[in-house]
Full PDB file with SEQRES, HELIX, SHEET, SSBOND, CRYST1, ORIGX, SCALE, CONECT and MASTER records, all heavy atoms in Angstrom:
SEQRES   1 A   33  ASN CYS GLY GLY CYS ASN LYS PRO CYS PRO GLN GLY GLN          
SEQRES   2 A   33  VAL CYS ALA ASN GLY ALA CYS ALA LEU GLN CYS VAL GLY          
SEQRES   3 A   33  GLY THR THR LEU CYS SER ASN                                  
SHEET    1 AA1 2 GLN A  13  ALA A  16  0                                        
SHEET    2 AA1 2 ALA A  19  LEU A  22 -1                                        
SSBOND   1 CYS A    2    CYS A   15                          1555   1555  2.21  
SSBOND   2 CYS A    9    CYS A   20                          1555   1555  2.06  
CRYST1    1.000    1.000    1.000  90.00  90.00  90.00 P 1           1          
ORIGX1      1.000000  0.000000  0.000000        0.00000                         
ORIGX2      0.000000  1.000000  0.000000        0.00000                         
ORIGX3      0.000000  0.000000  1.000000        0.00000                         
SCALE1      1.000000  0.000000  0.000000        0.00000                         
SCALE2      0.000000  1.000000  0.000000        0.00000                         
SCALE3      0.000000  0.000000  1.000000        0.00000                         
ATOM      1  N   ASN A   1       9.525   0.285   4.926  1.00  0.00           N  
ATOM      2  CA  ASN A   1       9.486   0.828   6.267  1.00  0.00           C  
ATOM      3  C   ASN A   1       8.199   1.660   6.402  1.00  0.00           C  
ATOM      4  O   ASN A   1       8.257   2.886   6.587  1.00  0.00           O  
ATOM      5  CB  ASN A   1      10.740   1.683   6.539  1.00  0.00           C  
ATOM      6  CG  ASN A   1      12.023   0.929   6.386  1.00  0.00           C  
ATOM      7  OD1 ASN A   1      12.518   0.240   7.287  1.00  0.00           O  
ATOM      8  ND2 ASN A   1      12.641   1.046   5.196  1.00  0.00           N  
ATOM      9  N   CYS A   2       7.068   1.029   6.316  1.00  0.00           N  
ATOM     10  CA  CYS A   2       5.807   1.731   6.223  1.00  0.00           C  
ATOM     11  C   CYS A   2       5.201   1.939   7.624  1.00  0.00           C  
ATOM     12  O   CYS A   2       4.734   0.986   8.278  1.00  0.00           O  
ATOM     13  CB  CYS A   2       4.824   0.918   5.325  1.00  0.00           C  
ATOM     14  SG  CYS A   2       3.316   1.850   4.937  1.00  0.00           S  
ATOM     15  N   GLY A   3       5.249   3.183   8.068  1.00  0.00           N  
ATOM     16  CA  GLY A   3       4.757   3.494   9.429  1.00  0.00           C  
ATOM     17  C   GLY A   3       5.822   3.357  10.466  1.00  0.00           C  
ATOM     18  O   GLY A   3       5.580   3.716  11.643  1.00  0.00           O  
ATOM     19  N   GLY A   4       6.998   2.846  10.142  1.00  0.00           N  
ATOM     20  CA  GLY A   4       8.095   2.657  11.098  1.00  0.00           C  
ATOM     21  C   GLY A   4       9.161   1.806  10.431  1.00  0.00           C  
ATOM     22  O   GLY A   4       8.934   1.149   9.397  1.00  0.00           O  
ATOM     23  N   CYS A   5      10.351   1.802  11.015  1.00  0.00           N  
ATOM     24  CA  CYS A   5      11.455   1.035  10.461  1.00  0.00           C  
ATOM     25  C   CYS A   5      11.137  -0.476  10.455  1.00  0.00           C  
ATOM     26  O   CYS A   5      10.513  -0.996  11.412  1.00  0.00           O  
ATOM     27  CB  CYS A   5      12.723   1.302  11.246  1.00  0.00           C  
ATOM     28  SG  CYS A   5      13.336   3.007  11.115  1.00  0.00           S  
ATOM     29  N   ASN A   6      11.548  -1.133   9.354  1.00  0.00           N  
ATOM     30  CA  ASN A   6      11.423  -2.608   9.243  1.00  0.00           C  
ATOM     31  C   ASN A   6       9.952  -3.093   9.296  1.00  0.00           C  
ATOM     32  O   ASN A   6       9.659  -4.148   9.853  1.00  0.00           O  
ATOM     33  CB  ASN A   6      12.279  -3.304  10.306  1.00  0.00           C  
ATOM     34  CG  ASN A   6      13.728  -2.908  10.197  1.00  0.00           C  
ATOM     35  OD1 ASN A   6      14.295  -2.902   9.119  1.00  0.00           O  
ATOM     36  ND2 ASN A   6      14.320  -2.568  11.341  1.00  0.00           N  
ATOM     37  N   LYS A   7       9.048  -2.284   8.730  1.00  0.00           N  
ATOM     38  CA  LYS A   7       7.651  -2.683   8.602  1.00  0.00           C  
ATOM     39  C   LYS A   7       7.298  -2.744   7.138  1.00  0.00           C  
ATOM     40  O   LYS A   7       6.693  -1.827   6.581  1.00  0.00           O  
ATOM     41  CB  LYS A   7       6.720  -1.725   9.331  1.00  0.00           C  
ATOM     42  CG  LYS A   7       6.888  -1.740  10.846  1.00  0.00           C  
ATOM     43  CD  LYS A   7       5.858  -0.810  11.501  1.00  0.00           C  
ATOM     44  CE  LYS A   7       5.931  -0.881  13.025  1.00  0.00           C  
ATOM     45  NZ  LYS A   7       4.931   0.028  13.646  1.00  0.00           N  
ATOM     46  N   PRO A   8       7.699  -3.837   6.473  1.00  0.00           N  
ATOM     47  CA  PRO A   8       7.488  -3.902   5.002  1.00  0.00           C  
ATOM     48  C   PRO A   8       6.019  -4.202   4.638  1.00  0.00           C  
ATOM     49  O   PRO A   8       5.303  -4.893   5.380  1.00  0.00           O  
ATOM     50  CB  PRO A   8       8.405  -5.056   4.585  1.00  0.00           C  
ATOM     51  CG  PRO A   8       8.452  -5.936   5.776  1.00  0.00           C  
ATOM     52  CD  PRO A   8       8.424  -5.012   6.977  1.00  0.00           C  
ATOM     53  N   CYS A   9       5.586  -3.651   3.507  1.00  0.00           N  
ATOM     54  CA  CYS A   9       4.258  -3.964   2.979  1.00  0.00           C  
ATOM     55  C   CYS A   9       4.284  -5.281   2.223  1.00  0.00           C  
ATOM     56  O   CYS A   9       5.309  -5.670   1.662  1.00  0.00           O  
ATOM     57  CB  CYS A   9       3.802  -2.859   2.019  1.00  0.00           C  
ATOM     58  SG  CYS A   9       3.465  -1.258   2.827  1.00  0.00           S  
ATOM     59  N   PRO A  10       3.182  -5.994   2.180  1.00  0.00           N  
ATOM     60  CA  PRO A  10       3.121  -7.230   1.369  1.00  0.00           C  
ATOM     61  C   PRO A  10       3.405  -6.922  -0.075  1.00  0.00           C  
ATOM     62  O   PRO A  10       3.182  -5.801  -0.561  1.00  0.00           O  
ATOM     63  CB  PRO A  10       1.706  -7.745   1.589  1.00  0.00           C  
ATOM     64  CG  PRO A  10       1.249  -7.083   2.860  1.00  0.00           C  
ATOM     65  CD  PRO A  10       1.942  -5.759   2.908  1.00  0.00           C  
ATOM     66  N   GLN A  11       3.847  -7.915  -0.830  1.00  0.00           N  
ATOM     67  CA  GLN A  11       4.145  -7.739  -2.239  1.00  0.00           C  
ATOM     68  C   GLN A  11       2.926  -7.251  -2.994  1.00  0.00           C  
ATOM     69  O   GLN A  11       1.793  -7.742  -2.767  1.00  0.00           O  
ATOM     70  CB  GLN A  11       4.642  -9.055  -2.846  1.00  0.00           C  
ATOM     71  CG  GLN A  11       5.134  -8.920  -4.265  1.00  0.00           C  
ATOM     72  CD  GLN A  11       5.723 -10.227  -4.790  1.00  0.00           C  
ATOM     73  OE1 GLN A  11       5.684 -11.262  -4.098  1.00  0.00           O  
ATOM     74  NE2 GLN A  11       6.283 -10.184  -5.986  1.00  0.00           N  
ATOM     75  N   GLY A  12       3.130  -6.277  -3.864  1.00  0.00           N  
ATOM     76  CA  GLY A  12       2.043  -5.734  -4.659  1.00  0.00           C  
ATOM     77  C   GLY A  12       1.311  -4.585  -4.006  1.00  0.00           C  
ATOM     78  O   GLY A  12       0.395  -4.007  -4.619  1.00  0.00           O  
ATOM     79  N   GLN A  13       1.686  -4.227  -2.753  1.00  0.00           N  
ATOM     80  CA  GLN A  13       1.052  -3.123  -2.087  1.00  0.00           C  
ATOM     81  C   GLN A  13       2.011  -1.948  -1.998  1.00  0.00           C  
ATOM     82  O   GLN A  13       3.233  -2.093  -2.124  1.00  0.00           O  
ATOM     83  CB  GLN A  13       0.581  -3.513  -0.692  1.00  0.00           C  
ATOM     84  CG  GLN A  13      -0.542  -4.543  -0.695  1.00  0.00           C  
ATOM     85  CD  GLN A  13      -1.197  -4.701   0.675  1.00  0.00           C  
ATOM     86  OE1 GLN A  13      -1.018  -3.893   1.573  1.00  0.00           O  
ATOM     87  NE2 GLN A  13      -2.014  -5.723   0.806  1.00  0.00           N  
ATOM     88  N   VAL A  14       1.461  -0.775  -1.794  1.00  0.00           N  
ATOM     89  CA  VAL A  14       2.244   0.448  -1.661  1.00  0.00           C  
ATOM     90  C   VAL A  14       2.025   1.039  -0.277  1.00  0.00           C  
ATOM     91  O   VAL A  14       1.126   0.600   0.448  1.00  0.00           O  
ATOM     92  CB  VAL A  14       1.856   1.494  -2.744  1.00  0.00           C  
ATOM     93  CG1 VAL A  14       2.187   0.990  -4.120  1.00  0.00           C  
ATOM     94  CG2 VAL A  14       0.371   1.846  -2.626  1.00  0.00           C  
ATOM     95  N   CYS A  15       2.872   1.980   0.099  1.00  0.00           N  
ATOM     96  CA  CYS A  15       2.754   2.651   1.367  1.00  0.00           C  
ATOM     97  C   CYS A  15       2.161   4.040   1.132  1.00  0.00           C  
ATOM     98  O   CYS A  15       2.697   4.848   0.347  1.00  0.00           O  
ATOM     99  CB  CYS A  15       4.129   2.772   2.035  1.00  0.00           C  
ATOM    100  SG  CYS A  15       4.056   3.523   3.701  1.00  0.00           S  
ATOM    101  N   ALA A  16       1.029   4.312   1.785  1.00  0.00           N  
ATOM    102  CA  ALA A  16       0.359   5.627   1.640  1.00  0.00           C  
ATOM    103  C   ALA A  16      -0.024   6.107   3.029  1.00  0.00           C  
ATOM    104  O   ALA A  16      -0.749   5.414   3.770  1.00  0.00           O  
ATOM    105  CB  ALA A  16      -0.872   5.508   0.754  1.00  0.00           C  
ATOM    106  N   ASN A  17       0.516   7.261   3.409  1.00  0.00           N  
ATOM    107  CA  ASN A  17       0.236   7.847   4.739  1.00  0.00           C  
ATOM    108  C   ASN A  17       0.589   6.883   5.864  1.00  0.00           C  
ATOM    109  O   ASN A  17      -0.129   6.767   6.879  1.00  0.00           O  
ATOM    110  CB  ASN A  17      -1.241   8.247   4.843  1.00  0.00           C  
ATOM    111  CG  ASN A  17      -1.605   9.322   3.850  1.00  0.00           C  
ATOM    112  OD1 ASN A  17      -0.839  10.271   3.637  1.00  0.00           O  
ATOM    113  ND2 ASN A  17      -2.761   9.194   3.229  1.00  0.00           N  
ATOM    114  N   GLY A  18       1.683   6.145   5.678  1.00  0.00           N  
ATOM    115  CA  GLY A  18       2.162   5.247   6.729  1.00  0.00           C  
ATOM    116  C   GLY A  18       1.410   3.972   6.863  1.00  0.00           C  
ATOM    117  O   GLY A  18       1.548   3.232   7.831  1.00  0.00           O  
ATOM    118  N   ALA A  19       0.570   3.624   5.878  1.00  0.00           N  
ATOM    119  CA  ALA A  19      -0.193   2.378   5.915  1.00  0.00           C  
ATOM    120  C   ALA A  19      -0.081   1.699   4.571  1.00  0.00           C  
ATOM    121  O   ALA A  19      -0.075   2.318   3.515  1.00  0.00           O  
ATOM    122  CB  ALA A  19      -1.649   2.666   6.226  1.00  0.00           C  
ATOM    123  N   CYS A  20       0.002   0.385   4.612  1.00  0.00           N  
ATOM    124  CA  CYS A  20       0.101  -0.410   3.379  1.00  0.00           C  
ATOM    125  C   CYS A  20      -1.264  -0.470   2.715  1.00  0.00           C  
ATOM    126  O   CYS A  20      -2.307  -0.589   3.350  1.00  0.00           O  
ATOM    127  CB  CYS A  20       0.574  -1.817   3.687  1.00  0.00           C  
ATOM    128  SG  CYS A  20       2.257  -1.884   4.373  1.00  0.00           S  
ATOM    129  N   ALA A  21      -1.255  -0.373   1.363  1.00  0.00           N  
ATOM    130  CA  ALA A  21      -2.513  -0.397   0.612  1.00  0.00           C  
ATOM    131  C   ALA A  21      -2.238  -1.009  -0.732  1.00  0.00           C  
ATOM    132  O   ALA A  21      -1.096  -1.049  -1.229  1.00  0.00           O  
ATOM    133  CB  ALA A  21      -3.074   1.017   0.417  1.00  0.00           C  
ATOM    134  N   LEU A  22      -3.286  -1.492  -1.377  1.00  0.00           N  
ATOM    135  CA  LEU A  22      -3.156  -2.079  -2.689  1.00  0.00           C  
ATOM    136  C   LEU A  22      -2.690  -1.027  -3.687  1.00  0.00           C  
ATOM    137  O   LEU A  22      -3.032   0.152  -3.590  1.00  0.00           O  
ATOM    138  CB  LEU A  22      -4.493  -2.656  -3.169  1.00  0.00           C  
ATOM    139  CG  LEU A  22      -4.985  -3.932  -2.501  1.00  0.00           C  
ATOM    140  CD1 LEU A  22      -6.404  -4.231  -2.910  1.00  0.00           C  
ATOM    141  CD2 LEU A  22      -4.086  -5.110  -2.880  1.00  0.00           C  
ATOM    142  N   GLN A  23      -1.909  -1.494  -4.694  1.00  0.00           N  
ATOM    143  CA  GLN A  23      -1.488  -0.592  -5.755  1.00  0.00           C  
ATOM    144  C   GLN A  23      -2.437  -0.843  -6.946  1.00  0.00           C  
ATOM    145  O   GLN A  23      -2.388  -1.880  -7.572  1.00  0.00           O  
ATOM    146  CB  GLN A  23      -0.043  -0.866  -6.148  1.00  0.00           C  
ATOM    147  CG  GLN A  23       0.442   0.083  -7.262  1.00  0.00           C  
ATOM    148  CD  GLN A  23       1.904  -0.164  -7.571  1.00  0.00           C  
ATOM    149  OE1 GLN A  23       2.466  -1.187  -7.219  1.00  0.00           O  
ATOM    150  NE2 GLN A  23       2.514   0.793  -8.243  1.00  0.00           N  
ATOM    151  N   CYS A  24      -3.343   0.088  -7.194  1.00  0.00           N  
ATOM    152  CA  CYS A  24      -4.332  -0.096  -8.262  1.00  0.00           C  
ATOM    153  C   CYS A  24      -3.785   0.373  -9.583  1.00  0.00           C  
ATOM    154  O   CYS A  24      -3.275   1.497  -9.690  1.00  0.00           O  
ATOM    155  CB  CYS A  24      -5.622   0.651  -7.923  1.00  0.00           C  
ATOM    156  SG  CYS A  24      -6.435   0.021  -6.446  1.00  0.00           S  
ATOM    157  N   VAL A  25      -3.849  -0.469 -10.581  1.00  0.00           N  
ATOM    158  CA  VAL A  25      -3.315  -0.170 -11.917  1.00  0.00           C  
ATOM    159  C   VAL A  25      -4.409  -0.353 -12.945  1.00  0.00           C  
ATOM    160  O   VAL A  25      -5.531  -0.805 -12.638  1.00  0.00           O  
ATOM    161  CB  VAL A  25      -2.103  -1.071 -12.232  1.00  0.00           C  
ATOM    162  CG1 VAL A  25      -0.949  -0.806 -11.278  1.00  0.00           C  
ATOM    163  CG2 VAL A  25      -2.491  -2.537 -12.173  1.00  0.00           C  
ATOM    164  N   GLY A  26      -4.099  -0.008 -14.181  1.00  0.00           N  
ATOM    165  CA  GLY A  26      -5.049  -0.236 -15.289  1.00  0.00           C  
ATOM    166  C   GLY A  26      -6.303   0.598 -15.187  1.00  0.00           C  
ATOM    167  O   GLY A  26      -7.360   0.182 -15.647  1.00  0.00           O  
ATOM    168  N   GLY A  27      -6.207   1.780 -14.554  1.00  0.00           N  
ATOM    169  CA  GLY A  27      -7.362   2.657 -14.498  1.00  0.00           C  
ATOM    170  C   GLY A  27      -8.294   2.304 -13.362  1.00  0.00           C  
ATOM    171  O   GLY A  27      -9.374   2.887 -13.265  1.00  0.00           O  
ATOM    172  N   THR A  28      -7.916   1.329 -12.496  1.00  0.00           N  
ATOM    173  CA  THR A  28      -8.772   0.967 -11.375  1.00  0.00           C  
ATOM    174  C   THR A  28      -8.557   1.924 -10.192  1.00  0.00           C  
ATOM    175  O   THR A  28      -7.563   2.660 -10.140  1.00  0.00           O  
ATOM    176  CB  THR A  28      -8.521  -0.465 -10.936  1.00  0.00           C  
ATOM    177  OG1 THR A  28      -7.157  -0.636 -10.573  1.00  0.00           O  
ATOM    178  CG2 THR A  28      -8.862  -1.433 -12.073  1.00  0.00           C  
ATOM    179  N   THR A  29      -9.483   1.879  -9.261  1.00  0.00           N  
ATOM    180  CA  THR A  29      -9.485   2.783  -8.114  1.00  0.00           C  
ATOM    181  C   THR A  29      -9.580   1.951  -6.839  1.00  0.00           C  
ATOM    182  O   THR A  29     -10.300   0.946  -6.804  1.00  0.00           O  
ATOM    183  CB  THR A  29     -10.688   3.753  -8.167  1.00  0.00           C  
ATOM    184  OG1 THR A  29     -10.595   4.515  -9.397  1.00  0.00           O  
ATOM    185  CG2 THR A  29     -10.698   4.703  -7.003  1.00  0.00           C  
ATOM    186  N   LEU A  30      -8.866   2.390  -5.784  1.00  0.00           N  
ATOM    187  CA  LEU A  30      -8.925   1.680  -4.511  1.00  0.00           C  
ATOM    188  C   LEU A  30     -10.205   2.050  -3.782  1.00  0.00           C  
ATOM    189  O   LEU A  30     -10.405   3.211  -3.423  1.00  0.00           O  
ATOM    190  CB  LEU A  30      -7.689   2.035  -3.667  1.00  0.00           C  
ATOM    191  CG  LEU A  30      -7.603   1.335  -2.309  1.00  0.00           C  
ATOM    192  CD1 LEU A  30      -7.429  -0.164  -2.485  1.00  0.00           C  
ATOM    193  CD2 LEU A  30      -6.446   1.916  -1.493  1.00  0.00           C  
ATOM    194  N   CYS A  31     -11.077   1.111  -3.577  1.00  0.00           N  
ATOM    195  CA  CYS A  31     -12.316   1.302  -2.827  1.00  0.00           C  
ATOM    196  C   CYS A  31     -12.434   0.226  -1.782  1.00  0.00           C  
ATOM    197  O   CYS A  31     -12.510  -0.988  -2.144  1.00  0.00           O  
ATOM    198  CB  CYS A  31     -13.539   1.271  -3.767  1.00  0.00           C  
ATOM    199  SG  CYS A  31     -13.633   2.596  -4.961  1.00  0.00           S  
ATOM    200  N   SER A  32     -12.437   0.608  -0.494  1.00  0.00           N  
ATOM    201  CA  SER A  32     -12.564  -0.345   0.591  1.00  0.00           C  
ATOM    202  C   SER A  32     -11.541  -1.477   0.489  1.00  0.00           C  
ATOM    203  O   SER A  32     -11.894  -2.651   0.529  1.00  0.00           O  
ATOM    204  CB  SER A  32     -13.979  -0.916   0.633  1.00  0.00           C  
ATOM    205  OG  SER A  32     -14.930   0.117   0.798  1.00  0.00           O  
ATOM    206  N   ASN A  33     -10.262  -1.092   0.307  1.00  0.00           N  
ATOM    207  CA  ASN A  33      -9.165  -2.024   0.241  1.00  0.00           C  
ATOM    208  C   ASN A  33      -9.282  -3.025  -0.913  1.00  0.00           C  
ATOM    209  O   ASN A  33      -8.822  -4.162  -0.851  1.00  0.00           O  
ATOM    210  CB  ASN A  33      -9.018  -2.817   1.548  1.00  0.00           C  
ATOM    211  CG  ASN A  33      -7.618  -3.340   1.755  1.00  0.00           C  
ATOM    212  OD1 ASN A  33      -6.629  -2.677   1.341  1.00  0.00           O  
ATOM    213  ND2 ASN A  33      -7.481  -4.509   2.366  1.00  0.00           N  
TER     214      ASN A  33                                                      
CONECT   14  100                                                                
CONECT   58  128                                                                
CONECT  100   14                                                                
CONECT  128   58                                                                
MASTER        0    0    0    0    2    0    0    6  213    1    4    3          
END                                                                             
């Protein structure tokens, strides 16, 4: 429910500040999506 009810993020993404974003693992950093 990212940003509102029944607004799921795509698989492998997380919700941050009400917006879906990539989940960076392995010491990587999110830069420009």
